[in-house]
N, C-alpha and C. Protein backbone atom coordinates (compact mmCIF):
# COMPACT_ATOMS: atom_id res chain seq x y z
N UNK A 1 0.86 -1.17 0.00
CA UNK A 1 0.00 0.00 0.00
C UNK A 1 0.90 1.23 0.00
N UNK A 2 0.55 2.23 -0.84
CA UNK A 2 1.41 3.40 -0.88
C UNK A 2 1.27 4.23 0.39
N UNK A 3 2.23 5.12 0.63
CA UNK A 3 2.27 5.89 1.88
C UNK A 3 1.06 6.76 2.12
N UNK A 4 0.60 7.46 1.08
CA UNK A 4 -0.56 8.35 1.26
C UNK A 4 -1.83 7.57 1.60
N UNK A 5 -2.04 6.44 0.91
CA UNK A 5 -3.23 5.63 1.19
C UNK A 5 -3.14 5.06 2.60
N UNK A 6 -1.97 4.66 3.03
CA UNK A 6 -1.80 4.14 4.40
C UNK A 6 -2.13 5.22 5.43
N UNK A 7 -1.68 6.46 5.20
CA UNK A 7 -1.99 7.56 6.12
C UNK A 7 -3.49 7.84 6.14
N UNK A 8 -4.12 7.85 4.96
CA UNK A 8 -5.56 8.08 4.89
C UNK A 8 -6.32 6.98 5.63
N UNK A 9 -5.91 5.73 5.43
CA UNK A 9 -6.57 4.61 6.10
C UNK A 9 -6.42 4.73 7.61
N UNK A 10 -5.27 5.13 8.09
CA UNK A 10 -5.05 5.28 9.53
C UNK A 10 -5.94 6.40 10.09
N UNK A 11 -6.06 7.50 9.36
CA UNK A 11 -6.92 8.61 9.80
C UNK A 11 -8.38 8.17 9.85
N UNK A 12 -8.81 7.41 8.85
CA UNK A 12 -10.19 6.93 8.82
C UNK A 12 -10.45 6.02 10.00
N UNK A 13 -9.47 5.20 10.33
CA UNK A 13 -9.65 4.24 11.41
C UNK A 13 -9.86 4.92 12.76
N UNK A 14 -9.34 6.13 12.94
CA UNK A 14 -9.43 6.80 14.23
C UNK A 14 -10.67 7.65 14.42
N UNK A 15 -11.48 7.86 13.40
CA UNK A 15 -12.64 8.74 13.53
C UNK A 15 -13.74 8.08 14.36
N UNK A 16 -14.80 8.86 14.60
CA UNK A 16 -15.88 8.33 15.43
C UNK A 16 -16.56 7.14 14.75
N UNK A 17 -17.51 6.56 15.44
CA UNK A 17 -18.12 5.32 14.99
C UNK A 17 -19.42 5.50 14.23
N UNK A 18 -19.99 6.70 14.21
CA UNK A 18 -21.23 6.96 13.49
C UNK A 18 -20.89 7.48 12.10
N UNK A 19 -21.39 6.80 11.09
CA UNK A 19 -21.09 7.16 9.70
C UNK A 19 -22.42 7.49 9.04
N UNK A 20 -22.57 8.73 8.65
CA UNK A 20 -23.82 9.19 8.05
C UNK A 20 -23.53 9.63 6.62
N UNK A 21 -24.03 8.84 5.67
CA UNK A 21 -23.86 9.20 4.26
C UNK A 21 -24.99 10.10 3.82
N UNK A 22 -24.81 10.87 2.78
CA UNK A 22 -23.71 10.84 1.83
C UNK A 22 -22.50 11.71 2.20
N UNK A 23 -22.61 12.51 3.24
CA UNK A 23 -21.48 13.39 3.57
C UNK A 23 -20.27 12.62 4.08
N UNK A 24 -20.48 11.42 4.57
CA UNK A 24 -19.41 10.58 5.08
C UNK A 24 -19.66 9.17 4.55
N UNK A 25 -19.19 8.90 3.35
CA UNK A 25 -19.51 7.66 2.65
C UNK A 25 -18.88 6.43 3.31
N UNK A 26 -19.66 5.38 3.43
CA UNK A 26 -19.18 4.13 4.02
C UNK A 26 -18.05 3.52 3.21
N UNK A 27 -18.03 3.74 1.91
CA UNK A 27 -17.02 3.12 1.05
C UNK A 27 -15.59 3.36 1.55
N UNK A 28 -15.28 4.58 1.96
CA UNK A 28 -13.90 4.83 2.37
C UNK A 28 -13.53 4.05 3.64
N UNK A 29 -14.49 3.81 4.51
CA UNK A 29 -14.23 3.01 5.71
C UNK A 29 -14.03 1.54 5.34
N UNK A 30 -14.88 1.05 4.44
CA UNK A 30 -14.73 -0.34 4.01
C UNK A 30 -13.38 -0.55 3.32
N UNK A 31 -13.03 0.37 2.45
CA UNK A 31 -11.75 0.27 1.74
C UNK A 31 -10.59 0.24 2.73
N UNK A 32 -10.63 1.10 3.73
CA UNK A 32 -9.56 1.15 4.74
C UNK A 32 -9.52 -0.15 5.54
N UNK A 33 -10.67 -0.67 5.90
CA UNK A 33 -10.71 -1.91 6.69
C UNK A 33 -10.29 -3.11 5.85
N UNK A 34 -10.69 -3.15 4.61
CA UNK A 34 -10.27 -4.24 3.71
C UNK A 34 -8.75 -4.27 3.63
N UNK A 35 -8.13 -3.10 3.55
CA UNK A 35 -6.67 -3.02 3.43
C UNK A 35 -5.95 -3.53 4.67
N UNK A 36 -6.61 -3.51 5.82
CA UNK A 36 -5.99 -3.92 7.09
C UNK A 36 -6.40 -5.32 7.55
N UNK A 37 -7.44 -5.86 6.98
CA UNK A 37 -8.08 -7.06 7.52
C UNK A 37 -7.26 -8.33 7.31
N UNK A 38 -7.39 -9.22 8.29
CA UNK A 38 -6.83 -10.57 8.17
C UNK A 38 -7.96 -11.57 7.89
N UNK A 39 -9.20 -11.14 8.04
CA UNK A 39 -10.38 -11.91 7.65
C UNK A 39 -11.51 -10.93 7.38
N UNK A 40 -12.31 -11.21 6.34
CA UNK A 40 -13.40 -10.33 5.93
C UNK A 40 -14.66 -11.18 5.77
N UNK A 41 -15.79 -10.64 6.30
CA UNK A 41 -17.09 -11.27 6.12
C UNK A 41 -18.12 -10.17 5.85
N UNK A 42 -18.90 -10.36 4.79
CA UNK A 42 -19.99 -9.43 4.48
C UNK A 42 -21.31 -10.17 4.62
N UNK A 43 -22.28 -9.49 5.17
CA UNK A 43 -23.64 -10.01 5.29
C UNK A 43 -24.57 -8.93 4.76
N UNK A 44 -25.03 -9.09 3.52
CA UNK A 44 -25.82 -8.04 2.88
C UNK A 44 -27.05 -8.65 2.22
N UNK A 45 -28.16 -7.94 2.34
CA UNK A 45 -29.40 -8.42 1.76
C UNK A 45 -29.28 -8.58 0.25
N UNK A 46 -28.59 -7.64 -0.39
CA UNK A 46 -28.41 -7.79 -1.84
C UNK A 46 -27.11 -7.16 -2.30
N UNK A 47 -26.71 -7.61 -3.49
CA UNK A 47 -25.50 -7.12 -4.15
C UNK A 47 -25.88 -6.72 -5.56
N UNK A 48 -25.46 -5.53 -5.97
CA UNK A 48 -25.68 -5.10 -7.34
C UNK A 48 -24.34 -5.10 -8.09
N UNK A 49 -24.44 -5.05 -9.40
CA UNK A 49 -23.23 -5.00 -10.22
C UNK A 49 -22.38 -3.79 -9.86
N UNK A 50 -23.02 -2.66 -9.60
CA UNK A 50 -22.25 -1.45 -9.27
C UNK A 50 -21.46 -1.63 -7.98
N UNK A 51 -22.03 -2.31 -6.99
CA UNK A 51 -21.32 -2.57 -5.74
C UNK A 51 -20.20 -3.57 -5.93
N UNK A 52 -20.44 -4.59 -6.74
CA UNK A 52 -19.40 -5.58 -7.04
C UNK A 52 -18.22 -4.91 -7.72
N UNK A 53 -18.50 -4.05 -8.68
CA UNK A 53 -17.42 -3.35 -9.39
C UNK A 53 -16.64 -2.42 -8.45
N UNK A 54 -17.33 -1.81 -7.51
CA UNK A 54 -16.69 -0.88 -6.58
C UNK A 54 -15.71 -1.59 -5.65
N UNK A 55 -16.05 -2.77 -5.18
CA UNK A 55 -15.22 -3.45 -4.17
C UNK A 55 -14.37 -4.61 -4.70
N UNK A 56 -14.53 -4.99 -5.95
CA UNK A 56 -13.79 -6.15 -6.46
C UNK A 56 -12.28 -5.98 -6.35
N UNK A 57 -11.75 -4.84 -6.74
CA UNK A 57 -10.30 -4.66 -6.71
C UNK A 57 -9.74 -4.71 -5.29
N UNK A 58 -10.29 -3.95 -4.32
CA UNK A 58 -9.74 -4.06 -2.96
C UNK A 58 -9.91 -5.46 -2.36
N UNK A 59 -11.00 -6.14 -2.71
CA UNK A 59 -11.18 -7.51 -2.21
C UNK A 59 -10.17 -8.47 -2.84
N UNK A 60 -9.91 -8.30 -4.13
CA UNK A 60 -8.90 -9.14 -4.78
C UNK A 60 -7.53 -8.91 -4.15
N UNK A 61 -7.20 -7.65 -3.89
CA UNK A 61 -5.92 -7.34 -3.24
C UNK A 61 -5.84 -8.01 -1.86
N UNK A 62 -6.96 -8.07 -1.16
CA UNK A 62 -6.98 -8.73 0.15
C UNK A 62 -6.71 -10.22 -0.01
N UNK A 63 -7.33 -10.86 -0.99
CA UNK A 63 -7.09 -12.30 -1.18
C UNK A 63 -5.64 -12.55 -1.59
N UNK A 64 -5.06 -11.62 -2.34
CA UNK A 64 -3.65 -11.77 -2.73
C UNK A 64 -2.73 -11.71 -1.52
N UNK A 65 -3.17 -11.05 -0.46
CA UNK A 65 -2.42 -11.02 0.81
C UNK A 65 -2.70 -12.26 1.66
N UNK A 66 -3.64 -13.09 1.21
CA UNK A 66 -4.00 -14.29 1.96
C UNK A 66 -5.19 -14.12 2.88
N UNK A 67 -5.92 -13.03 2.75
CA UNK A 67 -7.08 -12.75 3.59
C UNK A 67 -8.29 -13.55 3.12
N UNK A 68 -8.84 -14.42 3.97
CA UNK A 68 -10.06 -15.15 3.58
C UNK A 68 -11.27 -14.21 3.58
N UNK A 69 -12.14 -14.41 2.60
CA UNK A 69 -13.34 -13.57 2.46
C UNK A 69 -14.55 -14.47 2.32
N UNK A 70 -15.58 -14.16 3.11
CA UNK A 70 -16.87 -14.83 3.01
C UNK A 70 -17.93 -13.75 2.81
N UNK A 71 -18.79 -13.99 1.84
CA UNK A 71 -19.90 -13.07 1.59
C UNK A 71 -21.19 -13.88 1.63
N UNK A 72 -22.13 -13.40 2.43
CA UNK A 72 -23.46 -14.01 2.51
C UNK A 72 -24.47 -12.96 2.06
N UNK A 73 -25.22 -13.29 1.03
CA UNK A 73 -26.23 -12.38 0.51
C UNK A 73 -27.54 -13.14 0.37
N UNK A 74 -28.54 -12.46 -0.14
CA UNK A 74 -29.85 -13.07 -0.25
C UNK A 74 -30.41 -13.02 -1.66
N UNK A 75 -31.47 -13.80 -1.85
CA UNK A 75 -32.21 -13.78 -3.12
C UNK A 75 -33.63 -13.29 -2.90
N UNK A 76 -33.90 -12.83 -1.70
CA UNK A 76 -35.23 -12.32 -1.36
C UNK A 76 -35.62 -11.20 -2.33
N UNK A 77 -36.75 -11.33 -2.94
CA UNK A 77 -37.29 -10.36 -3.91
C UNK A 77 -36.43 -10.24 -5.16
N UNK A 78 -35.45 -11.12 -5.33
CA UNK A 78 -34.60 -11.18 -6.54
C UNK A 78 -33.88 -9.87 -6.84
N UNK A 79 -33.46 -9.17 -5.79
CA UNK A 79 -32.75 -7.90 -5.99
C UNK A 79 -31.26 -8.12 -6.24
N UNK A 80 -30.68 -9.16 -5.63
CA UNK A 80 -29.28 -9.46 -5.94
C UNK A 80 -29.17 -9.76 -7.42
N UNK A 81 -28.25 -9.08 -8.07
CA UNK A 81 -28.09 -9.25 -9.51
C UNK A 81 -27.13 -10.41 -9.80
N UNK A 82 -27.56 -11.36 -10.63
CA UNK A 82 -26.70 -12.51 -10.93
C UNK A 82 -25.33 -12.08 -11.47
N UNK A 83 -25.32 -11.06 -12.31
CA UNK A 83 -24.05 -10.63 -12.86
C UNK A 83 -23.11 -10.14 -11.77
N UNK A 84 -23.66 -9.55 -10.72
CA UNK A 84 -22.82 -9.08 -9.61
C UNK A 84 -22.09 -10.24 -8.95
N UNK A 85 -22.80 -11.34 -8.75
CA UNK A 85 -22.18 -12.52 -8.15
C UNK A 85 -21.09 -13.08 -9.08
N UNK A 86 -21.41 -13.19 -10.36
CA UNK A 86 -20.43 -13.69 -11.32
C UNK A 86 -19.21 -12.78 -11.40
N UNK A 87 -19.44 -11.49 -11.38
CA UNK A 87 -18.34 -10.53 -11.47
C UNK A 87 -17.40 -10.68 -10.26
N UNK A 88 -17.97 -10.76 -9.07
CA UNK A 88 -17.14 -10.95 -7.88
C UNK A 88 -16.35 -12.25 -7.94
N UNK A 89 -17.00 -13.33 -8.35
CA UNK A 89 -16.30 -14.61 -8.42
C UNK A 89 -15.16 -14.55 -9.44
N UNK A 90 -15.41 -13.89 -10.56
CA UNK A 90 -14.38 -13.80 -11.60
C UNK A 90 -13.23 -12.89 -11.18
N UNK A 91 -13.55 -11.72 -10.64
CA UNK A 91 -12.51 -10.71 -10.36
C UNK A 91 -11.79 -10.94 -9.04
N UNK A 92 -12.47 -11.48 -8.04
CA UNK A 92 -11.84 -11.68 -6.74
C UNK A 92 -11.16 -13.04 -6.68
N UNK A 93 -11.82 -14.06 -7.21
CA UNK A 93 -11.20 -15.36 -7.31
C UNK A 93 -11.72 -16.39 -6.33
N UNK A 94 -11.11 -17.55 -6.38
CA UNK A 94 -11.57 -18.72 -5.63
C UNK A 94 -11.32 -18.63 -4.13
N UNK A 95 -10.49 -17.72 -3.69
CA UNK A 95 -10.22 -17.59 -2.25
C UNK A 95 -11.37 -16.90 -1.52
N UNK A 96 -12.33 -16.40 -2.28
CA UNK A 96 -13.51 -15.78 -1.71
C UNK A 96 -14.67 -16.77 -1.82
N UNK A 97 -15.43 -16.91 -0.74
CA UNK A 97 -16.61 -17.77 -0.75
C UNK A 97 -17.85 -16.90 -0.74
N UNK A 98 -18.77 -17.21 -1.64
CA UNK A 98 -20.06 -16.52 -1.65
C UNK A 98 -21.14 -17.55 -1.41
N UNK A 99 -22.03 -17.23 -0.49
CA UNK A 99 -23.18 -18.09 -0.20
C UNK A 99 -24.44 -17.24 -0.23
N UNK A 100 -25.57 -17.92 -0.38
CA UNK A 100 -26.86 -17.24 -0.49
C UNK A 100 -27.83 -17.81 0.53
N UNK A 101 -28.43 -16.91 1.29
CA UNK A 101 -29.51 -17.29 2.20
C UNK A 101 -30.75 -17.39 1.33
N UNK A 102 -31.33 -18.55 1.29
CA UNK A 102 -32.47 -18.76 0.41
C UNK A 102 -33.52 -19.58 1.14
N UNK A 103 -34.37 -18.89 1.85
CA UNK A 103 -35.48 -19.55 2.52
C UNK A 103 -36.75 -18.93 1.96
N UNK A 104 -37.43 -19.62 1.05
CA UNK A 104 -38.60 -19.05 0.39
C UNK A 104 -39.61 -18.48 1.40
N UNK A 105 -40.09 -17.29 1.07
CA UNK A 105 -41.10 -16.65 1.89
C UNK A 105 -40.58 -15.93 3.13
N UNK A 106 -39.29 -16.00 3.38
CA UNK A 106 -38.74 -15.34 4.57
C UNK A 106 -37.87 -14.17 4.12
N UNK A 107 -38.10 -13.02 4.72
CA UNK A 107 -37.29 -11.85 4.36
C UNK A 107 -35.87 -12.02 4.87
N UNK A 108 -34.95 -11.41 4.18
CA UNK A 108 -33.53 -11.43 4.54
C UNK A 108 -33.02 -10.03 4.26
N UNK A 109 -32.78 -9.25 5.29
CA UNK A 109 -32.50 -7.84 5.08
C UNK A 109 -31.34 -7.28 5.91
N UNK A 110 -30.39 -8.08 6.38
CA UNK A 110 -29.28 -7.55 7.19
C UNK A 110 -28.23 -6.85 6.32
N UNK A 111 -27.50 -5.96 6.95
CA UNK A 111 -26.36 -5.29 6.31
C UNK A 111 -25.28 -5.13 7.35
N UNK A 112 -24.21 -5.92 7.22
CA UNK A 112 -23.11 -5.86 8.18
C UNK A 112 -21.82 -6.25 7.47
N UNK A 113 -20.77 -5.55 7.81
CA UNK A 113 -19.45 -5.77 7.22
C UNK A 113 -18.48 -6.04 8.36
N UNK A 114 -17.96 -7.26 8.44
CA UNK A 114 -17.07 -7.70 9.52
C UNK A 114 -15.62 -7.68 9.05
N UNK A 115 -14.74 -7.21 9.94
CA UNK A 115 -13.31 -7.22 9.64
C UNK A 115 -12.55 -7.66 10.89
N UNK A 116 -11.81 -8.74 10.75
CA UNK A 116 -10.88 -9.13 11.81
C UNK A 116 -9.54 -8.50 11.44
N UNK A 117 -8.97 -7.76 12.38
CA UNK A 117 -7.72 -7.05 12.17
C UNK A 117 -6.64 -7.69 13.04
N UNK A 118 -5.41 -7.27 12.87
CA UNK A 118 -4.32 -7.82 13.68
C UNK A 118 -4.57 -7.61 15.17
N UNK A 119 -5.09 -6.44 15.54
CA UNK A 119 -5.19 -6.09 16.95
C UNK A 119 -6.63 -5.94 17.47
N UNK A 120 -7.61 -6.16 16.63
CA UNK A 120 -9.01 -5.97 17.04
C UNK A 120 -9.90 -6.55 15.95
N UNK A 121 -11.20 -6.46 16.15
CA UNK A 121 -12.18 -6.79 15.13
C UNK A 121 -13.22 -5.68 15.14
N UNK A 122 -13.87 -5.49 14.01
CA UNK A 122 -14.91 -4.47 13.93
C UNK A 122 -15.99 -4.93 12.98
N UNK A 123 -17.16 -4.35 13.20
CA UNK A 123 -18.29 -4.63 12.33
C UNK A 123 -18.98 -3.29 12.05
N UNK A 124 -19.31 -3.08 10.80
CA UNK A 124 -20.10 -1.93 10.39
C UNK A 124 -21.52 -2.43 10.18
N UNK A 125 -22.45 -1.95 10.98
CA UNK A 125 -23.85 -2.38 10.90
C UNK A 125 -24.68 -1.16 10.53
N UNK A 126 -25.53 -1.32 9.53
CA UNK A 126 -26.35 -0.18 9.15
C UNK A 126 -27.34 -0.51 8.07
N UNK A 127 -27.56 0.46 7.20
CA UNK A 127 -28.59 0.32 6.19
C UNK A 127 -28.05 0.08 4.79
N UNK A 128 -26.74 0.05 4.61
CA UNK A 128 -26.14 0.00 3.28
C UNK A 128 -25.92 -1.42 2.76
N UNK A 129 -26.59 -1.73 1.66
CA UNK A 129 -26.31 -2.96 0.94
C UNK A 129 -25.05 -2.77 0.10
N UNK A 130 -24.66 -3.81 -0.62
CA UNK A 130 -23.46 -3.72 -1.44
C UNK A 130 -23.86 -3.22 -2.82
N UNK A 131 -24.04 -1.90 -2.89
CA UNK A 131 -24.32 -1.22 -4.15
C UNK A 131 -23.53 0.08 -4.16
N UNK A 132 -23.24 0.58 -5.35
CA UNK A 132 -22.46 1.80 -5.47
C UNK A 132 -23.15 2.96 -4.75
N UNK A 133 -24.44 3.13 -4.98
CA UNK A 133 -25.17 4.23 -4.36
C UNK A 133 -25.14 4.14 -2.84
N UNK A 134 -25.42 2.97 -2.31
CA UNK A 134 -25.46 2.81 -0.85
C UNK A 134 -24.10 3.10 -0.21
N UNK A 135 -23.03 2.72 -0.89
CA UNK A 135 -21.70 2.88 -0.31
C UNK A 135 -21.06 4.24 -0.58
N UNK A 136 -21.64 5.02 -1.50
CA UNK A 136 -20.98 6.28 -1.86
C UNK A 136 -21.87 7.52 -1.70
N UNK A 137 -23.00 7.58 -2.37
CA UNK A 137 -23.78 8.82 -2.42
C UNK A 137 -25.15 8.74 -1.75
N UNK A 138 -25.55 7.57 -1.31
CA UNK A 138 -26.88 7.40 -0.73
C UNK A 138 -26.96 7.90 0.70
N UNK A 139 -28.18 8.15 1.13
CA UNK A 139 -28.42 8.49 2.53
C UNK A 139 -28.50 7.17 3.28
N UNK A 140 -27.42 6.83 3.96
CA UNK A 140 -27.30 5.56 4.68
C UNK A 140 -26.71 5.86 6.05
N UNK A 141 -27.13 5.12 7.03
CA UNK A 141 -26.58 5.25 8.37
C UNK A 141 -25.87 3.96 8.74
N UNK A 142 -24.71 4.10 9.34
CA UNK A 142 -23.91 2.95 9.73
C UNK A 142 -23.26 3.22 11.07
N UNK A 143 -23.13 2.18 11.86
CA UNK A 143 -22.43 2.29 13.14
C UNK A 143 -21.30 1.28 13.14
N UNK A 144 -20.11 1.73 13.52
CA UNK A 144 -18.97 0.82 13.65
C UNK A 144 -18.85 0.39 15.10
N UNK A 145 -18.87 -0.92 15.31
CA UNK A 145 -18.75 -1.49 16.63
C UNK A 145 -17.43 -2.26 16.67
N UNK A 146 -16.59 -1.91 17.62
CA UNK A 146 -15.30 -2.60 17.77
C UNK A 146 -15.40 -3.65 18.86
N UNK A 147 -14.83 -4.80 18.60
CA UNK A 147 -14.87 -5.90 19.57
C UNK A 147 -14.20 -5.50 20.88
N UNK A 148 -13.12 -4.73 20.81
CA UNK A 148 -12.41 -4.34 22.03
C UNK A 148 -13.27 -3.48 22.95
N UNK A 149 -14.26 -2.79 22.40
CA UNK A 149 -15.11 -1.92 23.21
C UNK A 149 -16.44 -2.56 23.60
N UNK A 150 -16.87 -3.55 22.83
CA UNK A 150 -18.15 -4.22 23.11
C UNK A 150 -18.05 -5.68 22.70
N UNK A 151 -17.23 -6.47 23.41
CA UNK A 151 -16.97 -7.85 22.98
C UNK A 151 -18.22 -8.74 22.93
N UNK A 152 -19.13 -8.59 23.88
CA UNK A 152 -20.32 -9.44 23.86
C UNK A 152 -21.21 -9.13 22.67
N UNK A 153 -21.37 -7.84 22.35
CA UNK A 153 -22.18 -7.46 21.20
C UNK A 153 -21.54 -7.96 19.90
N UNK A 154 -20.23 -7.73 19.78
CA UNK A 154 -19.54 -8.18 18.58
C UNK A 154 -19.68 -9.69 18.43
N UNK A 155 -19.45 -10.43 19.50
CA UNK A 155 -19.52 -11.88 19.44
C UNK A 155 -20.92 -12.37 19.05
N UNK A 156 -21.95 -11.68 19.53
CA UNK A 156 -23.31 -12.07 19.17
C UNK A 156 -23.54 -11.91 17.67
N UNK A 157 -23.12 -10.78 17.11
CA UNK A 157 -23.24 -10.57 15.66
C UNK A 157 -22.42 -11.62 14.90
N UNK A 158 -21.20 -11.86 15.34
CA UNK A 158 -20.31 -12.79 14.67
C UNK A 158 -20.87 -14.21 14.68
N UNK A 159 -21.38 -14.63 15.81
CA UNK A 159 -21.96 -15.97 15.92
C UNK A 159 -23.20 -16.11 15.05
N UNK A 160 -23.99 -15.05 14.96
CA UNK A 160 -25.19 -15.11 14.10
C UNK A 160 -24.79 -15.17 12.64
N UNK A 161 -23.74 -14.44 12.25
CA UNK A 161 -23.24 -14.55 10.88
C UNK A 161 -22.88 -16.01 10.60
N UNK A 162 -22.10 -16.61 11.49
CA UNK A 162 -21.66 -17.99 11.28
C UNK A 162 -22.85 -18.95 11.19
N UNK A 163 -23.86 -18.75 12.02
CA UNK A 163 -25.04 -19.62 11.99
C UNK A 163 -25.76 -19.50 10.63
N UNK A 164 -25.98 -18.26 10.19
CA UNK A 164 -26.65 -18.05 8.91
C UNK A 164 -25.81 -18.58 7.74
N UNK A 165 -24.52 -18.38 7.83
CA UNK A 165 -23.63 -18.82 6.76
C UNK A 165 -23.71 -20.34 6.59
N UNK A 166 -23.77 -21.06 7.68
CA UNK A 166 -23.82 -22.51 7.60
C UNK A 166 -25.18 -23.03 7.15
N UNK A 167 -26.21 -22.21 7.24
CA UNK A 167 -27.55 -22.58 6.75
C UNK A 167 -27.74 -22.24 5.27
N UNK A 168 -26.80 -21.52 4.71
CA UNK A 168 -26.96 -20.98 3.36
C UNK A 168 -26.42 -21.93 2.29
N UNK A 169 -26.68 -21.55 1.04
CA UNK A 169 -26.27 -22.35 -0.11
C UNK A 169 -25.04 -21.75 -0.77
N UNK A 170 -24.06 -22.58 -1.15
CA UNK A 170 -22.91 -22.03 -1.87
C UNK A 170 -23.33 -21.58 -3.27
N UNK A 171 -22.71 -20.52 -3.74
CA UNK A 171 -22.95 -20.05 -5.10
C UNK A 171 -22.05 -20.88 -6.02
N UNK A 172 -22.70 -21.78 -6.74
CA UNK A 172 -22.02 -22.67 -7.68
C UNK A 172 -22.50 -22.35 -9.09
N UNK A 173 -21.91 -23.00 -10.09
CA UNK A 173 -22.37 -22.81 -11.47
C UNK A 173 -23.82 -23.24 -11.61
N UNK A 174 -24.18 -24.35 -10.96
CA UNK A 174 -25.56 -24.82 -11.02
C UNK A 174 -26.51 -23.80 -10.37
N UNK A 175 -26.13 -23.30 -9.20
CA UNK A 175 -26.95 -22.28 -8.54
C UNK A 175 -27.13 -21.08 -9.47
N UNK A 176 -26.04 -20.64 -10.11
CA UNK A 176 -26.12 -19.46 -10.97
C UNK A 176 -27.04 -19.71 -12.17
N UNK A 177 -26.99 -20.89 -12.78
CA UNK A 177 -27.90 -21.19 -13.91
C UNK A 177 -29.35 -21.05 -13.46
N UNK A 178 -29.68 -21.63 -12.31
CA UNK A 178 -31.06 -21.57 -11.80
C UNK A 178 -31.45 -20.15 -11.41
N UNK A 179 -30.53 -19.43 -10.77
CA UNK A 179 -30.86 -18.08 -10.32
C UNK A 179 -31.05 -17.13 -11.50
N UNK A 180 -30.23 -17.28 -12.56
CA UNK A 180 -30.44 -16.45 -13.75
C UNK A 180 -31.86 -16.63 -14.28
N UNK A 181 -32.32 -17.86 -14.34
CA UNK A 181 -33.67 -18.12 -14.86
C UNK A 181 -34.74 -17.51 -13.95
N UNK A 182 -34.59 -17.71 -12.64
CA UNK A 182 -35.54 -17.13 -11.69
C UNK A 182 -35.53 -15.61 -11.78
N UNK A 183 -34.35 -15.03 -11.86
CA UNK A 183 -34.19 -13.57 -11.84
C UNK A 183 -34.82 -12.96 -13.09
N UNK A 184 -34.60 -13.58 -14.24
CA UNK A 184 -35.16 -13.07 -15.50
C UNK A 184 -36.67 -13.14 -15.52
N UNK A 185 -37.22 -14.18 -14.91
CA UNK A 185 -38.66 -14.39 -14.95
C UNK A 185 -39.38 -13.93 -13.68
N UNK A 186 -38.60 -13.46 -12.69
CA UNK A 186 -39.17 -13.08 -11.40
C UNK A 186 -39.72 -11.72 -11.41
């Protein structure tokens, strides 16, 4: 990471925990955390192509450092764009796992971004899905919770992510063929 980006990331890391977009876009916080993370987990109701394009490069750079990435998204209301999933798989690579929560008739609407760091862990919880607008120019509210300051709260979110992740379906070629058909006709 170049020196200026490292300084910017360090400054971002020290700011307060309330992030109110669009004046304070969540994207810069995610980018800074991705650059520092030793493990990354996203839990988002939906992913759009614009969001996939926005984060693919920093996520790929994280996998190149050996950082494991897990993304859990949903198919509720067919808002997740199939191309977004394919784009992430192609650009980020096999070291990233994507799974889908798919329980017919049940809403799935969480938005949380988890980062395990060398010296702490943090989660950004709020209203922003993985889309360009939500992460950059949209009116979104997010709160950053650090494990060192609220370990029980962090652990509860982390354990729930793990529970949902294990109940979900892996995004495979077969899943993508079926989802494209559902999405086109849904």
